């Protein structure tokens, strides 16, 4: 398997399938294409005509879009149990993943993913507050299925956690105040070995995407 990614500091969509594959010990190589640098678009188009990352190449198969890649991995490795067990929990997981994939535009716009930035209080518009309230409600609903069995949304790590991992980083970057339960869940994501590996690579990146540094003074990372 080969996973085509954007900058690890900024590319939320790239983080999702990467952390899933890494957590479940699925071997893959990676190609990081710095977004908005040089001929980045042409480099991406060599792998997929949609022109966006991430992209998974598996022999003759090409899969694009984060959620589709995650589902493809789940189909390939059913014994890894990347979805929660039981029809009610799995139906809920499908739903929250799709809502994450298609929604929360205000949060995405006002609080872009930026692992090396720290901007507490920035971006907290009324619309973003609504998104945050909805996300916390979803987390609580999922955790009810876990019934204390493990720290993740459905107890053990699943695709649902992979989809919300970038949101957890946003809450940290922008100093969002969370309920105790949401804070505990966020800690579980941020202390994962797989996430630590991703973050260390992000810290070492030399590239800056200025559109993701909207709160930095003079457009430079702090």
C-alpha atoms as a PDB file:
ATOM      1  CA  UNK A   1       0.000   0.000   0.000  1.00  0.00           C
ATOM      2  CA  UNK A   2       1.087   3.567  -0.716  1.00  0.00           C
ATOM      3  CA  UNK A   3      -0.622   6.552   0.946  1.00  0.00           C
ATOM      4  CA  UNK A   4      -0.310   9.957  -0.690  1.00  0.00           C
ATOM      5  CA  UNK A   5      -0.542  12.731   1.898  1.00  0.00           C
ATOM      6  CA  UNK A   6      -0.442  16.468   2.324  1.00  0.00           C
ATOM      7  CA  UNK A   7       1.533  18.363   4.969  1.00  0.00           C
ATOM      8  CA  UNK A   8       1.236  16.590   8.306  1.00  0.00           C
ATOM      9  CA  UNK A   9       0.990  19.884  10.166  1.00  0.00           C
ATOM     10  CA  UNK A  10      -2.090  20.994   8.275  1.00  0.00           C
ATOM     11  CA  UNK A  11      -3.758  18.188   6.305  1.00  0.00           C
ATOM     12  CA  UNK A  12      -6.623  16.964   8.446  1.00  0.00           C
ATOM     13  CA  UNK A  13      -7.944  14.668   5.741  1.00  0.00           C
ATOM     14  CA  UNK A  14      -4.543  12.998   5.404  1.00  0.00           C
ATOM     15  CA  UNK A  15      -4.324  12.326   9.141  1.00  0.00           C
ATOM     16  CA  UNK A  16      -7.533  10.279   9.164  1.00  0.00           C
ATOM     17  CA  UNK A  17      -6.532   7.225   7.084  1.00  0.00           C
ATOM     18  CA  UNK A  18      -2.889   7.467   8.175  1.00  0.00           C
ATOM     19  CA  UNK A  19      -3.664   7.135  11.888  1.00  0.00           C
ATOM     20  CA  UNK A  20      -6.085   4.295  11.171  1.00  0.00           C
ATOM     21  CA  UNK A  21      -3.569   2.255   9.182  1.00  0.00           C
ATOM     22  CA  UNK A  22      -0.762   3.009  11.609  1.00  0.00           C
ATOM     23  CA  UNK A  23      -2.792   2.131  14.708  1.00  0.00           C
ATOM     24  CA  UNK A  24      -3.870  -1.199  13.267  1.00  0.00           C
ATOM     25  CA  UNK A  25      -0.361  -2.091  12.156  1.00  0.00           C
ATOM     26  CA  UNK A  26      -1.124  -2.221   8.450  1.00  0.00           C
ATOM     27  CA  UNK A  27       2.102  -1.795   6.435  1.00  0.00           C
ATOM     28  CA  UNK A  28       2.229   1.062   3.947  1.00  0.00           C
ATOM     29  CA  UNK A  29       4.639   3.536   2.470  1.00  0.00           C
ATOM     30  CA  UNK A  30       3.872   7.235   2.308  1.00  0.00           C
ATOM     31  CA  UNK A  31       4.468  10.108  -0.060  1.00  0.00           C
ATOM     32  CA  UNK A  32       4.087  13.599   1.415  1.00  0.00           C
ATOM     33  CA  UNK A  33       3.305  16.307  -1.126  1.00  0.00           C
ATOM     34  CA  UNK A  34       3.655  19.825   0.348  1.00  0.00           C
ATOM     35  CA  UNK A  35       0.405  21.570  -0.494  1.00  0.00           C
ATOM     36  CA  UNK A  36       0.532  24.916  -2.319  1.00  0.00           C
ATOM     37  CA  UNK A  37       4.260  24.432  -2.985  1.00  0.00           C
ATOM     38  CA  UNK A  38       5.533  24.495  -6.569  1.00  0.00           C
ATOM     39  CA  UNK A  39       3.844  21.965  -8.855  1.00  0.00           C
ATOM     40  CA  UNK A  40       1.991  20.247  -6.012  1.00  0.00           C
ATOM     41  CA  UNK A  41      -1.237  19.944  -8.004  1.00  0.00           C
ATOM     42  CA  UNK A  42       0.486  18.190 -10.916  1.00  0.00           C
ATOM     43  CA  UNK A  43       2.161  15.794  -8.480  1.00  0.00           C
ATOM     44  CA  UNK A  44      -1.192  14.880  -6.940  1.00  0.00           C
ATOM     45  CA  UNK A  45      -2.833  14.448 -10.341  1.00  0.00           C
ATOM     46  CA  UNK A  46      -0.292  11.750 -11.158  1.00  0.00           C
ATOM     47  CA  UNK A  47      -2.017   9.612  -8.547  1.00  0.00           C
ATOM     48  CA  UNK A  48      -5.670  10.671  -8.831  1.00  0.00           C
ATOM     49  CA  UNK A  49      -7.657  12.896 -11.149  1.00  0.00           C
ATOM     50  CA  UNK A  50      -9.627  14.425  -8.272  1.00  0.00           C
ATOM     51  CA  UNK A  51      -6.493  16.424  -7.467  1.00  0.00           C
ATOM     52  CA  UNK A  52      -6.777  16.102  -3.701  1.00  0.00           C
ATOM     53  CA  UNK A  53      -5.084  14.188  -0.888  1.00  0.00           C
ATOM     54  CA  UNK A  54      -5.176  11.648   0.616  1.00  0.00           C
ATOM     55  CA  UNK A  55      -5.007   8.884  -1.966  1.00  0.00           C
ATOM     56  CA  UNK A  56      -4.389   5.193  -1.360  1.00  0.00           C
ATOM     57  CA  UNK A  57      -2.676   3.098  -4.020  1.00  0.00           C
ATOM     58  CA  UNK A  58      -2.988  -0.663  -3.547  1.00  0.00           C
ATOM     59  CA  UNK A  59      -1.742  -2.559  -6.569  1.00  0.00           C
ATOM     60  CA  UNK A  60      -4.149  -1.753  -9.404  1.00  0.00           C
ATOM     61  CA  UNK A  61      -6.635  -0.141  -6.991  1.00  0.00           C
ATOM     62  CA  UNK A  62      -6.789   3.611  -6.341  1.00  0.00           C
ATOM     63  CA  UNK A  63      -8.966   4.934  -3.530  1.00  0.00           C
ATOM     64  CA  UNK A  64      -9.450   8.620  -2.768  1.00  0.00           C
ATOM     65  CA  UNK A  65     -11.330  10.499  -0.038  1.00  0.00           C
ATOM     66  CA  UNK A  66     -10.466   9.782   3.606  1.00  0.00           C
ATOM     67  CA  UNK A  67     -13.631   7.936   4.568  1.00  0.00           C
ATOM     68  CA  UNK A  68     -13.496   5.760   1.445  1.00  0.00           C
ATOM     69  CA  UNK A  69      -9.895   4.812   2.213  1.00  0.00           C
ATOM     70  CA  UNK A  70     -10.842   3.901   5.776  1.00  0.00           C
ATOM     71  CA  UNK A  71     -13.720   1.755   4.564  1.00  0.00           C
ATOM     72  CA  UNK A  72     -11.471   0.055   2.017  1.00  0.00           C
ATOM     73  CA  UNK A  73      -9.034  -0.832   4.812  1.00  0.00           C
ATOM     74  CA  UNK A  74     -11.892  -2.170   6.937  1.00  0.00           C
ATOM     75  CA  UNK A  75     -13.016  -4.384   4.053  1.00  0.00           C
ATOM     76  CA  UNK A  76      -9.480  -5.690   3.508  1.00  0.00           C
ATOM     77  CA  UNK A  77      -8.868  -6.451   7.173  1.00  0.00           C
ATOM     78  CA  UNK A  78     -12.194  -7.410   8.771  1.00  0.00           C
ATOM     79  CA  UNK A  79     -10.494  -9.113  11.716  1.00  0.00           C
ATOM     80  CA  UNK A  80      -9.035  -5.770  12.819  1.00  0.00           C
ATOM     81  CA  UNK A  81     -12.570  -4.632  13.747  1.00  0.00           C
ATOM     82  CA  UNK A  82     -12.196  -1.083  12.472  1.00  0.00           C
ATOM     83  CA  UNK A  83     -15.923  -0.542  12.981  1.00  0.00           C
ATOM     84  CA  UNK A  84     -17.625  -1.114  16.345  1.00  0.00           C
ATOM     85  CA  UNK A  85     -19.376  -4.410  16.931  1.00  0.00           C
ATOM     86  CA  UNK A  86     -23.170  -4.709  16.901  1.00  0.00           C
ATOM     87  CA  UNK A  87     -25.648  -3.226  14.444  1.00  0.00           C
ATOM     88  CA  UNK A  88     -26.789  -0.252  16.603  1.00  0.00           C
ATOM     89  CA  UNK A  89     -23.239   0.874  17.386  1.00  0.00           C
ATOM     90  CA  UNK A  90     -22.100   0.359  13.815  1.00  0.00           C
ATOM     91  CA  UNK A  91     -25.058   2.293  12.427  1.00  0.00           C
ATOM     92  CA  UNK A  92     -24.233   5.158  14.779  1.00  0.00           C
ATOM     93  CA  UNK A  93     -20.578   5.035  13.742  1.00  0.00           C
ATOM     94  CA  UNK A  94     -21.531   5.178  10.058  1.00  0.00           C
ATOM     95  CA  UNK A  95     -23.726   8.186  10.737  1.00  0.00           C
ATOM     96  CA  UNK A  96     -21.259  10.224  12.793  1.00  0.00           C
ATOM     97  CA  UNK A  97     -18.464   9.537  10.319  1.00  0.00           C
ATOM     98  CA  UNK A  98     -20.575  10.767   7.439  1.00  0.00           C
ATOM     99  CA  UNK A  99     -21.644  13.839   9.398  1.00  0.00           C
ATOM    100  CA  UNK A 100     -17.999  14.584  10.138  1.00  0.00           C
ATOM    101  CA  UNK A 101     -17.100  14.069   6.494  1.00  0.00           C
ATOM    102  CA  UNK A 102     -19.778  16.393   5.170  1.00  0.00           C
ATOM    103  CA  UNK A 103     -20.375  18.890   7.964  1.00  0.00           C
ATOM    104  CA  UNK A 104     -18.898  21.333  10.473  1.00  0.00           C
ATOM    105  CA  UNK A 105     -17.942  23.875   7.826  1.00  0.00           C
ATOM    106  CA  UNK A 106     -17.772  26.738  10.310  1.00  0.00           C
ATOM    107  CA  UNK A 107     -15.275  24.878  12.473  1.00  0.00           C
ATOM    108  CA  UNK A 108     -13.146  23.893   9.502  1.00  0.00           C
ATOM    109  CA  UNK A 109     -13.017  27.468   8.219  1.00  0.00           C
ATOM    110  CA  UNK A 110     -12.435  29.359  11.458  1.00  0.00           C
ATOM    111  CA  UNK A 111     -10.163  26.765  13.092  1.00  0.00           C
ATOM    112  CA  UNK A 112      -7.950  25.180  10.420  1.00  0.00           C
ATOM    113  CA  UNK A 113      -5.839  22.256  11.590  1.00  0.00           C
ATOM    114  CA  UNK A 114      -2.425  23.465  12.703  1.00  0.00           C
ATOM    115  CA  UNK A 115      -0.490  21.157  15.019  1.00  0.00           C
ATOM    116  CA  UNK A 116       2.345  23.580  15.693  1.00  0.00           C
ATOM    117  CA  UNK A 117       0.164  26.633  16.277  1.00  0.00           C
ATOM    118  CA  UNK A 118      -1.357  27.746  19.565  1.00  0.00           C
ATOM    119  CA  UNK A 119      -4.156  30.314  19.305  1.00  0.00           C
ATOM    120  CA  UNK A 120      -6.439  30.017  22.349  1.00  0.00           C
ATOM    121  CA  UNK A 121      -9.751  31.818  21.953  1.00  0.00           C
ATOM    122  CA  UNK A 122      -9.382  32.491  18.239  1.00  0.00           C
ATOM    123  CA  UNK A 123     -12.077  31.477  15.774  1.00  0.00           C
ATOM    124  CA  UNK A 124     -14.806  30.943  18.352  1.00  0.00           C
ATOM    125  CA  UNK A 125     -17.699  32.402  16.368  1.00  0.00           C
ATOM    126  CA  UNK A 126     -21.353  31.652  17.210  1.00  0.00           C
ATOM    127  CA  UNK A 127     -21.461  29.215  14.294  1.00  0.00           C
ATOM    128  CA  UNK A 128     -18.319  27.456  15.514  1.00  0.00           C
ATOM    129  CA  UNK A 129     -19.791  27.175  19.019  1.00  0.00           C
ATOM    130  CA  UNK A 130     -22.785  25.366  17.504  1.00  0.00           C
ATOM    131  CA  UNK A 131     -20.459  22.967  15.706  1.00  0.00           C
ATOM    132  CA  UNK A 132     -18.576  22.297  18.942  1.00  0.00           C
ATOM    133  CA  UNK A 133     -21.788  21.630  20.845  1.00  0.00           C
ATOM    134  CA  UNK A 134     -22.906  19.203  18.166  1.00  0.00           C
ATOM    135  CA  UNK A 135     -19.564  17.393  18.177  1.00  0.00           C
ATOM    136  CA  UNK A 136     -19.582  17.013  21.950  1.00  0.00           C
ATOM    137  CA  UNK A 137     -23.136  15.661  21.770  1.00  0.00           C
ATOM    138  CA  UNK A 138     -22.061  13.108  19.156  1.00  0.00           C
ATOM    139  CA  UNK A 139     -19.103  12.039  21.260  1.00  0.00           C
ATOM    140  CA  UNK A 140     -21.331  11.569  24.295  1.00  0.00           C
ATOM    141  CA  UNK A 141     -23.797   9.492  22.276  1.00  0.00           C
ATOM    142  CA  UNK A 142     -21.027   7.252  20.976  1.00  0.00           C
ATOM    143  CA  UNK A 143     -19.427   6.885  24.395  1.00  0.00           C
ATOM    144  CA  UNK A 144     -22.754   5.670  25.756  1.00  0.00           C
ATOM    145  CA  UNK A 145     -22.305   2.587  23.571  1.00  0.00           C
ATOM    146  CA  UNK A 146     -18.812   2.029  24.968  1.00  0.00           C
ATOM    147  CA  UNK A 147     -20.143   1.701  28.531  1.00  0.00           C
ATOM    148  CA  UNK A 148     -16.754   2.346  30.011  1.00  0.00           C
ATOM    149  CA  UNK A 149     -14.990  -0.296  27.902  1.00  0.00           C
ATOM    150  CA  UNK A 150     -12.001   1.642  26.659  1.00  0.00           C
ATOM    151  CA  UNK A 151     -11.293   5.363  26.197  1.00  0.00           C
ATOM    152  CA  UNK A 152     -12.393   5.806  22.593  1.00  0.00           C
ATOM    153  CA  UNK A 153     -15.778   6.616  21.091  1.00  0.00           C
ATOM    154  CA  UNK A 154     -16.853   2.976  20.955  1.00  0.00           C
ATOM    155  CA  UNK A 155     -14.373   1.631  23.485  1.00  0.00           C
ATOM    156  CA  UNK A 156     -11.621   0.448  21.166  1.00  0.00           C
ATOM    157  CA  UNK A 157     -10.191   2.648  18.410  1.00  0.00           C
ATOM    158  CA  UNK A 158     -12.340   2.682  15.264  1.00  0.00           C
ATOM    159  CA  UNK A 159     -12.796   4.612  12.049  1.00  0.00           C
ATOM    160  CA  UNK A 160     -14.997   7.027  13.986  1.00  0.00           C
ATOM    161  CA  UNK A 161     -11.985   8.026  16.096  1.00  0.00           C
ATOM    162  CA  UNK A 162      -9.840   8.408  12.996  1.00  0.00           C
ATOM    163  CA  UNK A 163     -12.421  10.759  11.514  1.00  0.00           C
ATOM    164  CA  UNK A 164     -12.561  12.942  14.622  1.00  0.00           C
ATOM    165  CA  UNK A 165      -8.826  12.944  15.407  1.00  0.00           C
ATOM    166  CA  UNK A 166      -8.183  16.228  13.522  1.00  0.00           C
ATOM    167  CA  UNK A 167     -11.031  17.861  15.447  1.00  0.00           C
ATOM    168  CA  UNK A 168      -9.306  16.928  18.693  1.00  0.00           C
ATOM    169  CA  UNK A 169      -6.164  18.705  17.490  1.00  0.00           C
ATOM    170  CA  UNK A 170      -8.188  21.787  16.597  1.00  0.00           C
ATOM    171  CA  UNK A 171      -9.652  21.942  20.089  1.00  0.00           C
ATOM    172  CA  UNK A 172      -6.125  21.895  21.509  1.00  0.00           C
ATOM    173  CA  UNK A 173      -4.730  24.481  19.076  1.00  0.00           C
ATOM    174  CA  UNK A 174      -7.529  26.961  19.740  1.00  0.00           C
ATOM    175  CA  UNK A 175      -7.892  26.282  23.457  1.00  0.00           C
ATOM    176  CA  UNK A 176     -11.510  25.156  23.278  1.00  0.00           C
ATOM    177  CA  UNK A 177     -13.012  24.482  26.695  1.00  0.00           C
ATOM    178  CA  UNK A 178     -14.549  21.017  26.751  1.00  0.00           C
ATOM    179  CA  UNK A 179     -16.615  18.954  29.130  1.00  0.00           C
ATOM    180  CA  UNK A 180     -14.706  16.528  31.335  1.00  0.00           C
ATOM    181  CA  UNK A 181     -15.797  13.583  29.200  1.00  0.00           C
ATOM    182  CA  UNK A 182     -14.742  15.292  25.964  1.00  0.00           C
ATOM    183  CA  UNK A 183     -11.420  16.326  27.491  1.00  0.00           C
ATOM    184  CA  UNK A 184     -10.744  12.738  28.566  1.00  0.00           C
ATOM    185  CA  UNK A 185     -11.551  11.483  25.089  1.00  0.00           C
ATOM    186  CA  UNK A 186      -9.308  14.122  23.527  1.00  0.00           C
ATOM    187  CA  UNK A 187      -6.468  13.030  25.796  1.00  0.00           C
ATOM    188  CA  UNK A 188      -6.909   9.436  24.623  1.00  0.00           C
ATOM    189  CA  UNK A 189      -6.398  10.540  21.013  1.00  0.00           C
ATOM    190  CA  UNK A 190      -3.491  12.881  21.716  1.00  0.00           C
ATOM    191  CA  UNK A 191      -1.577  10.255  23.707  1.00  0.00           C
ATOM    192  CA  UNK A 192      -1.816   7.530  21.070  1.00  0.00           C
ATOM    193  CA  UNK A 193       1.597   6.319  19.845  1.00  0.00           C
ATOM    194  CA  UNK A 194       0.369   6.662  16.269  1.00  0.00           C
ATOM    195  CA  UNK A 195      -0.635  10.280  16.808  1.00  0.00           C
ATOM    196  CA  UNK A 196       2.689  11.052  18.523  1.00  0.00           C
ATOM    197  CA  UNK A 197       4.527   9.717  15.474  1.00  0.00           C
ATOM    198  CA  UNK A 198       2.450  11.888  13.128  1.00  0.00           C
ATOM    199  CA  UNK A 199       2.917  14.969  15.289  1.00  0.00           C
ATOM    200  CA  UNK A 200       6.683  14.594  15.533  1.00  0.00           C
ATOM    201  CA  UNK A 201       6.883  14.463  11.753  1.00  0.00           C
ATOM    202  CA  UNK A 202       4.628  17.527  11.514  1.00  0.00           C
ATOM    203  CA  UNK A 203       6.870  19.513  13.858  1.00  0.00           C
ATOM    204  CA  UNK A 204       9.876  18.847  11.614  1.00  0.00           C
ATOM    205  CA  UNK A 205       8.189  20.052   8.431  1.00  0.00           C
ATOM    206  CA  UNK A 206       9.653  23.260   6.967  1.00  0.00           C
ATOM    207  CA  UNK A 207       6.586  24.263   4.956  1.00  0.00           C
ATOM    208  CA  UNK A 208       4.073  26.933   5.918  1.00  0.00           C
ATOM    209  CA  UNK A 209       0.547  27.172   4.521  1.00  0.00           C
ATOM    210  CA  UNK A 210      -0.402  30.776   5.199  1.00  0.00           C
ATOM    211  CA  UNK A 211      -4.140  30.190   4.808  1.00  0.00           C
ATOM    212  CA  UNK A 212      -3.867  27.885   7.828  1.00  0.00           C
ATOM    213  CA  UNK A 213      -1.931  30.526   9.801  1.00  0.00           C
ATOM    214  CA  UNK A 214      -4.710  33.099   9.826  1.00  0.00           C
ATOM    215  CA  UNK A 215      -4.131  34.037  13.466  1.00  0.00           C
ATOM    216  CA  UNK A 216      -0.337  34.121  13.413  1.00  0.00           C
ATOM    217  CA  UNK A 217       1.298  37.548  13.551  1.00  0.00           C
ATOM    218  CA  UNK A 218       2.720  38.467  10.157  1.00  0.00           C
ATOM    219  CA  UNK A 219       1.595  35.059   8.906  1.00  0.00           C
ATOM    220  CA  UNK A 220       4.475  33.263  10.617  1.00  0.00           C
ATOM    221  CA  UNK A 221       4.086  30.254  12.874  1.00  0.00           C
ATOM    222  CA  UNK A 222       4.600  30.780  16.586  1.00  0.00           C
END
